[in-house]
Amino acid sequence: MKVKFRIESNAFIRDFEVDFDWNLPVLPRKGEIVSPNIIMLGKIDIESTLNNLSIEGKRDFEGYLDGEQEKNDAFYTWLWEVICEVNIVKSVHYEIDKDDCFQVYPVIYLSDK
């Protein structure tokens, strides 16, 4: 089943979204924690994510860049840390798939609250 994670964080200008093919028997409920490892399995566009960083997010990400680590490795390390801070299910909403109006998929909002 198609699932979208929408992550609310000060690191991003707009909520960070990750599409994911959920194959577990149940969806997470409000108040539960979703492992960053699950979210990181989704397809993440590095460049569009970096373009969505807030000033605070850019500053934080630059702290992960050092001369020895590649940009992609630093990005995934940084993103994993961000998701660890905001991995509590705030709510679950349902939206109609834009590609197929007969399909509905859950949108799981993650926050630190």
N, C-alpha and C. Protein backbone atom coordinates (compact mmCIF):
# COMPACT_ATOMS: atom_id res chain seq x y z
N MET A 1 0.84 -1.16 0.00
CA MET A 1 0.00 0.00 0.00
C MET A 1 0.90 1.24 0.00
N LYS A 2 0.50 2.21 -0.80
CA LYS A 2 1.23 3.47 -0.85
C LYS A 2 0.94 4.27 0.42
N VAL A 3 2.00 4.78 1.03
CA VAL A 3 1.90 5.61 2.23
C VAL A 3 2.82 6.81 2.02
N LYS A 4 2.41 7.95 2.54
CA LYS A 4 3.27 9.13 2.48
C LYS A 4 3.56 9.55 3.92
N PHE A 5 4.85 9.73 4.21
CA PHE A 5 5.25 10.31 5.49
C PHE A 5 5.45 11.80 5.26
N ARG A 6 4.87 12.62 6.10
CA ARG A 6 5.04 14.06 6.04
C ARG A 6 5.67 14.49 7.36
N ILE A 7 6.90 14.96 7.27
CA ILE A 7 7.69 15.25 8.47
C ILE A 7 7.74 16.75 8.72
N GLU A 8 7.28 17.15 9.89
CA GLU A 8 7.28 18.55 10.29
C GLU A 8 8.54 18.82 11.11
N SER A 9 9.39 19.70 10.59
CA SER A 9 10.64 20.02 11.27
C SER A 9 11.06 21.43 10.92
N ASN A 10 11.73 22.10 11.85
CA ASN A 10 12.27 23.44 11.59
C ASN A 10 13.40 23.40 10.57
N ALA A 11 13.90 22.21 10.26
CA ALA A 11 14.99 22.09 9.30
C ALA A 11 14.53 22.34 7.86
N PHE A 12 13.20 22.31 7.63
CA PHE A 12 12.67 22.43 6.28
C PHE A 12 11.75 23.64 6.14
N ILE A 13 11.74 24.21 4.95
CA ILE A 13 10.84 25.31 4.64
C ILE A 13 9.40 24.78 4.60
N ARG A 14 9.19 23.74 3.80
CA ARG A 14 7.91 23.04 3.73
C ARG A 14 8.10 21.66 4.36
N ASP A 15 7.00 21.04 4.77
CA ASP A 15 7.11 19.70 5.34
C ASP A 15 7.85 18.78 4.38
N PHE A 16 8.72 17.95 4.91
CA PHE A 16 9.48 16.99 4.13
C PHE A 16 8.60 15.76 3.90
N GLU A 17 8.46 15.34 2.64
CA GLU A 17 7.60 14.22 2.31
C GLU A 17 8.39 13.07 1.72
N VAL A 18 8.03 11.85 2.14
CA VAL A 18 8.64 10.64 1.62
C VAL A 18 7.53 9.66 1.27
N ASP A 19 7.53 9.20 0.02
CA ASP A 19 6.59 8.16 -0.40
C ASP A 19 7.19 6.82 -0.05
N PHE A 20 6.32 5.92 0.39
CA PHE A 20 6.80 4.64 0.88
C PHE A 20 5.79 3.56 0.52
N ASP A 21 6.28 2.37 0.18
CA ASP A 21 5.41 1.23 -0.08
C ASP A 21 5.30 0.43 1.22
N TRP A 22 4.22 0.63 1.95
CA TRP A 22 4.02 0.02 3.26
C TRP A 22 3.55 -1.41 3.09
N ASN A 23 4.30 -2.37 3.63
CA ASN A 23 3.89 -3.76 3.52
C ASN A 23 3.75 -4.44 4.89
N LEU A 24 3.70 -3.65 5.93
CA LEU A 24 3.47 -4.20 7.27
C LEU A 24 1.97 -4.33 7.50
N PRO A 25 1.53 -5.21 8.40
CA PRO A 25 0.10 -5.49 8.55
C PRO A 25 -0.74 -4.35 9.13
N VAL A 26 -0.13 -3.41 9.87
CA VAL A 26 -0.89 -2.30 10.46
C VAL A 26 -0.13 -1.00 10.24
N LEU A 27 -0.89 0.09 10.23
CA LEU A 27 -0.28 1.42 10.16
C LEU A 27 0.03 1.91 11.56
N PRO A 28 1.04 2.75 11.70
CA PRO A 28 1.31 3.32 13.02
C PRO A 28 0.16 4.24 13.43
N ARG A 29 -0.08 4.30 14.73
CA ARG A 29 -1.15 5.14 15.28
C ARG A 29 -0.57 6.37 15.95
N LYS A 30 -1.46 7.31 16.22
CA LYS A 30 -1.06 8.55 16.86
C LYS A 30 -0.31 8.25 18.16
N GLY A 31 0.82 8.92 18.35
CA GLY A 31 1.63 8.74 19.55
C GLY A 31 2.71 7.68 19.43
N GLU A 32 2.63 6.84 18.41
CA GLU A 32 3.65 5.80 18.23
C GLU A 32 4.87 6.39 17.52
N ILE A 33 5.99 5.70 17.66
CA ILE A 33 7.25 6.14 17.06
C ILE A 33 7.53 5.30 15.82
N VAL A 34 7.92 5.97 14.74
CA VAL A 34 8.30 5.30 13.50
C VAL A 34 9.81 5.36 13.39
N SER A 35 10.43 4.23 13.19
CA SER A 35 11.88 4.18 13.08
C SER A 35 12.36 4.95 11.85
N PRO A 36 13.41 5.75 12.00
CA PRO A 36 13.98 6.44 10.85
C PRO A 36 14.43 5.46 9.76
N ASN A 37 14.80 4.25 10.17
CA ASN A 37 15.24 3.26 9.19
C ASN A 37 14.13 2.93 8.20
N ILE A 38 12.88 2.91 8.65
CA ILE A 38 11.76 2.64 7.76
C ILE A 38 11.60 3.79 6.77
N ILE A 39 11.63 4.99 7.27
CA ILE A 39 11.44 6.16 6.41
C ILE A 39 12.58 6.29 5.40
N MET A 40 13.78 5.98 5.82
CA MET A 40 14.95 6.11 4.95
C MET A 40 14.92 5.09 3.81
N LEU A 41 14.07 4.06 3.91
CA LEU A 41 13.94 3.10 2.82
C LEU A 41 13.17 3.68 1.64
N GLY A 42 12.41 4.75 1.88
CA GLY A 42 11.65 5.39 0.82
C GLY A 42 12.56 6.13 -0.14
N LYS A 43 12.01 6.48 -1.30
CA LYS A 43 12.79 7.19 -2.31
C LYS A 43 12.91 8.66 -1.90
N ILE A 44 14.15 9.12 -1.72
CA ILE A 44 14.41 10.48 -1.27
C ILE A 44 15.26 11.18 -2.32
N ASP A 45 14.75 12.29 -2.83
CA ASP A 45 15.49 13.10 -3.80
C ASP A 45 16.37 14.08 -3.02
N ILE A 46 17.66 13.85 -3.06
CA ILE A 46 18.60 14.64 -2.26
C ILE A 46 18.57 16.11 -2.65
N GLU A 47 18.63 16.42 -3.94
CA GLU A 47 18.71 17.81 -4.37
C GLU A 47 17.46 18.60 -4.02
N SER A 48 16.27 18.02 -4.23
CA SER A 48 15.06 18.76 -3.88
C SER A 48 14.94 18.93 -2.37
N THR A 49 15.42 17.95 -1.62
CA THR A 49 15.41 18.06 -0.17
C THR A 49 16.35 19.16 0.29
N LEU A 50 17.53 19.22 -0.28
CA LEU A 50 18.49 20.28 0.08
C LEU A 50 17.94 21.66 -0.31
N ASN A 51 17.19 21.75 -1.40
CA ASN A 51 16.58 23.02 -1.80
C ASN A 51 15.44 23.43 -0.87
N ASN A 52 14.92 22.48 -0.09
CA ASN A 52 13.82 22.74 0.83
C ASN A 52 14.31 23.05 2.26
N LEU A 53 15.62 23.13 2.45
CA LEU A 53 16.15 23.38 3.78
C LEU A 53 15.95 24.83 4.20
N SER A 54 15.58 25.01 5.45
CA SER A 54 15.49 26.35 6.02
C SER A 54 16.91 26.83 6.34
N ILE A 55 17.03 28.06 6.76
CA ILE A 55 18.34 28.59 7.13
C ILE A 55 18.93 27.75 8.27
N GLU A 56 18.09 27.42 9.23
CA GLU A 56 18.53 26.57 10.34
C GLU A 56 18.96 25.19 9.85
N GLY A 57 18.18 24.62 8.92
CA GLY A 57 18.51 23.31 8.36
C GLY A 57 19.81 23.32 7.59
N LYS A 58 20.03 24.38 6.80
CA LYS A 58 21.28 24.49 6.04
C LYS A 58 22.48 24.57 6.98
N ARG A 59 22.35 25.36 8.01
CA ARG A 59 23.43 25.51 8.99
C ARG A 59 23.73 24.17 9.66
N ASP A 60 22.67 23.47 10.03
CA ASP A 60 22.83 22.18 10.68
C ASP A 60 23.46 21.16 9.74
N PHE A 61 22.99 21.13 8.48
CA PHE A 61 23.53 20.18 7.50
C PHE A 61 25.01 20.45 7.23
N GLU A 62 25.38 21.73 7.12
CA GLU A 62 26.77 22.08 6.86
C GLU A 62 27.69 21.59 7.97
N GLY A 63 27.15 21.46 9.18
CA GLY A 63 27.93 20.91 10.29
C GLY A 63 28.28 19.45 10.09
N TYR A 64 27.52 18.76 9.24
CA TYR A 64 27.78 17.35 8.97
C TYR A 64 28.76 17.16 7.83
N LEU A 65 28.98 18.21 7.06
CA LEU A 65 29.93 18.12 5.95
C LEU A 65 31.34 18.33 6.47
N ASP A 66 32.18 17.37 6.23
CA ASP A 66 33.60 17.55 6.50
C ASP A 66 34.35 17.11 5.25
N GLY A 67 35.59 17.42 5.17
CA GLY A 67 36.36 17.15 3.96
C GLY A 67 36.45 15.70 3.57
N GLU A 68 36.26 14.79 4.51
CA GLU A 68 36.47 13.38 4.22
C GLU A 68 35.18 12.66 3.82
N GLN A 69 34.04 13.17 4.22
CA GLN A 69 32.79 12.48 3.95
C GLN A 69 32.12 13.05 2.69
N GLU A 70 31.61 12.17 1.85
CA GLU A 70 30.93 12.61 0.64
C GLU A 70 29.61 13.28 1.00
N LYS A 71 29.13 14.14 0.11
CA LYS A 71 27.90 14.90 0.34
C LYS A 71 26.71 13.97 0.58
N ASN A 72 26.58 12.92 -0.22
CA ASN A 72 25.44 12.00 -0.07
C ASN A 72 25.48 11.29 1.27
N ASP A 73 26.66 10.85 1.69
CA ASP A 73 26.79 10.17 2.99
C ASP A 73 26.45 11.13 4.12
N ALA A 74 26.95 12.35 4.02
CA ALA A 74 26.66 13.35 5.05
C ALA A 74 25.17 13.65 5.07
N PHE A 75 24.54 13.73 3.89
CA PHE A 75 23.11 14.01 3.81
C PHE A 75 22.30 12.94 4.53
N TYR A 76 22.57 11.67 4.25
CA TYR A 76 21.80 10.59 4.87
C TYR A 76 22.04 10.51 6.37
N THR A 77 23.25 10.78 6.81
CA THR A 77 23.55 10.80 8.24
C THR A 77 22.77 11.93 8.91
N TRP A 78 22.81 13.11 8.30
CA TRP A 78 22.09 14.27 8.85
C TRP A 78 20.58 14.02 8.86
N LEU A 79 20.03 13.51 7.75
CA LEU A 79 18.59 13.28 7.66
C LEU A 79 18.15 12.25 8.69
N TRP A 80 18.94 11.22 8.90
CA TRP A 80 18.61 10.21 9.90
C TRP A 80 18.49 10.85 11.28
N GLU A 81 19.43 11.74 11.59
CA GLU A 81 19.40 12.45 12.88
C GLU A 81 18.16 13.34 13.00
N VAL A 82 17.80 14.03 11.92
CA VAL A 82 16.60 14.89 11.94
C VAL A 82 15.37 14.05 12.18
N ILE A 83 15.24 12.94 11.48
CA ILE A 83 14.06 12.08 11.62
C ILE A 83 14.00 11.48 13.02
N CYS A 84 15.14 11.19 13.63
CA CYS A 84 15.15 10.68 15.00
C CYS A 84 14.50 11.66 15.97
N GLU A 85 14.62 12.95 15.67
CA GLU A 85 14.06 13.97 16.55
C GLU A 85 12.57 14.19 16.33
N VAL A 86 12.07 13.84 15.15
CA VAL A 86 10.65 14.11 14.82
C VAL A 86 9.99 12.84 14.27
N ASN A 87 10.05 11.76 15.01
CA ASN A 87 9.51 10.50 14.50
C ASN A 87 8.28 10.00 15.25
N ILE A 88 7.56 10.89 15.91
CA ILE A 88 6.35 10.51 16.62
C ILE A 88 5.16 10.82 15.72
N VAL A 89 4.25 9.86 15.59
CA VAL A 89 3.08 10.04 14.74
C VAL A 89 2.16 11.08 15.39
N LYS A 90 1.99 12.19 14.70
CA LYS A 90 1.12 13.27 15.17
C LYS A 90 -0.32 12.99 14.76
N SER A 91 -0.51 12.53 13.53
CA SER A 91 -1.84 12.20 13.03
C SER A 91 -1.72 11.40 11.74
N VAL A 92 -2.83 10.79 11.36
CA VAL A 92 -2.91 10.05 10.10
C VAL A 92 -4.11 10.59 9.34
N HIS A 93 -3.87 11.04 8.13
CA HIS A 93 -4.93 11.56 7.26
C HIS A 93 -4.99 10.67 6.02
N TYR A 94 -6.04 10.81 5.27
CA TYR A 94 -6.19 10.03 4.04
C TYR A 94 -6.44 10.99 2.89
N GLU A 95 -5.73 10.75 1.78
CA GLU A 95 -5.84 11.59 0.60
C GLU A 95 -6.13 10.73 -0.62
N ILE A 96 -6.72 11.35 -1.62
CA ILE A 96 -6.98 10.68 -2.88
C ILE A 96 -5.72 10.77 -3.73
N ASP A 97 -5.36 9.66 -4.35
CA ASP A 97 -4.20 9.61 -5.22
C ASP A 97 -4.46 10.46 -6.46
N LYS A 98 -3.56 11.37 -6.77
CA LYS A 98 -3.73 12.26 -7.92
C LYS A 98 -3.67 11.50 -9.24
N ASP A 99 -2.94 10.38 -9.26
CA ASP A 99 -2.82 9.58 -10.49
C ASP A 99 -4.00 8.65 -10.70
N ASP A 100 -4.66 8.26 -9.63
CA ASP A 100 -5.80 7.34 -9.71
C ASP A 100 -6.84 7.76 -8.69
N CYS A 101 -7.88 8.45 -9.14
CA CYS A 101 -8.86 9.03 -8.22
C CYS A 101 -9.67 7.99 -7.45
N PHE A 102 -9.51 6.71 -7.78
CA PHE A 102 -10.22 5.66 -7.06
C PHE A 102 -9.38 5.07 -5.93
N GLN A 103 -8.16 5.54 -5.79
CA GLN A 103 -7.26 5.06 -4.76
C GLN A 103 -7.10 6.11 -3.65
N VAL A 104 -7.13 5.64 -2.43
CA VAL A 104 -6.91 6.49 -1.26
C VAL A 104 -5.68 5.96 -0.54
N TYR A 105 -4.84 6.86 -0.08
CA TYR A 105 -3.65 6.42 0.66
C TYR A 105 -3.50 7.24 1.93
N PRO A 106 -2.91 6.63 2.97
CA PRO A 106 -2.69 7.35 4.22
C PRO A 106 -1.49 8.29 4.15
N VAL A 107 -1.63 9.43 4.80
CA VAL A 107 -0.54 10.38 4.97
C VAL A 107 -0.27 10.42 6.47
N ILE A 108 0.92 10.02 6.86
CA ILE A 108 1.29 9.93 8.27
C ILE A 108 2.16 11.14 8.61
N TYR A 109 1.62 12.00 9.47
CA TYR A 109 2.33 13.21 9.89
C TYR A 109 3.21 12.87 11.08
N LEU A 110 4.49 13.20 10.96
CA LEU A 110 5.45 12.96 12.02
C LEU A 110 5.92 14.30 12.57
N SER A 111 6.07 14.35 13.88
CA SER A 111 6.48 15.57 14.56
C SER A 111 7.21 15.18 15.83
N ASP A 112 7.64 16.16 16.59
CA ASP A 112 8.27 15.86 17.88
C ASP A 112 7.28 16.04 19.01
N LYS A 113 6.03 16.22 18.69
CA LYS A 113 5.00 16.45 19.70
C LYS A 113 4.02 15.31 19.76
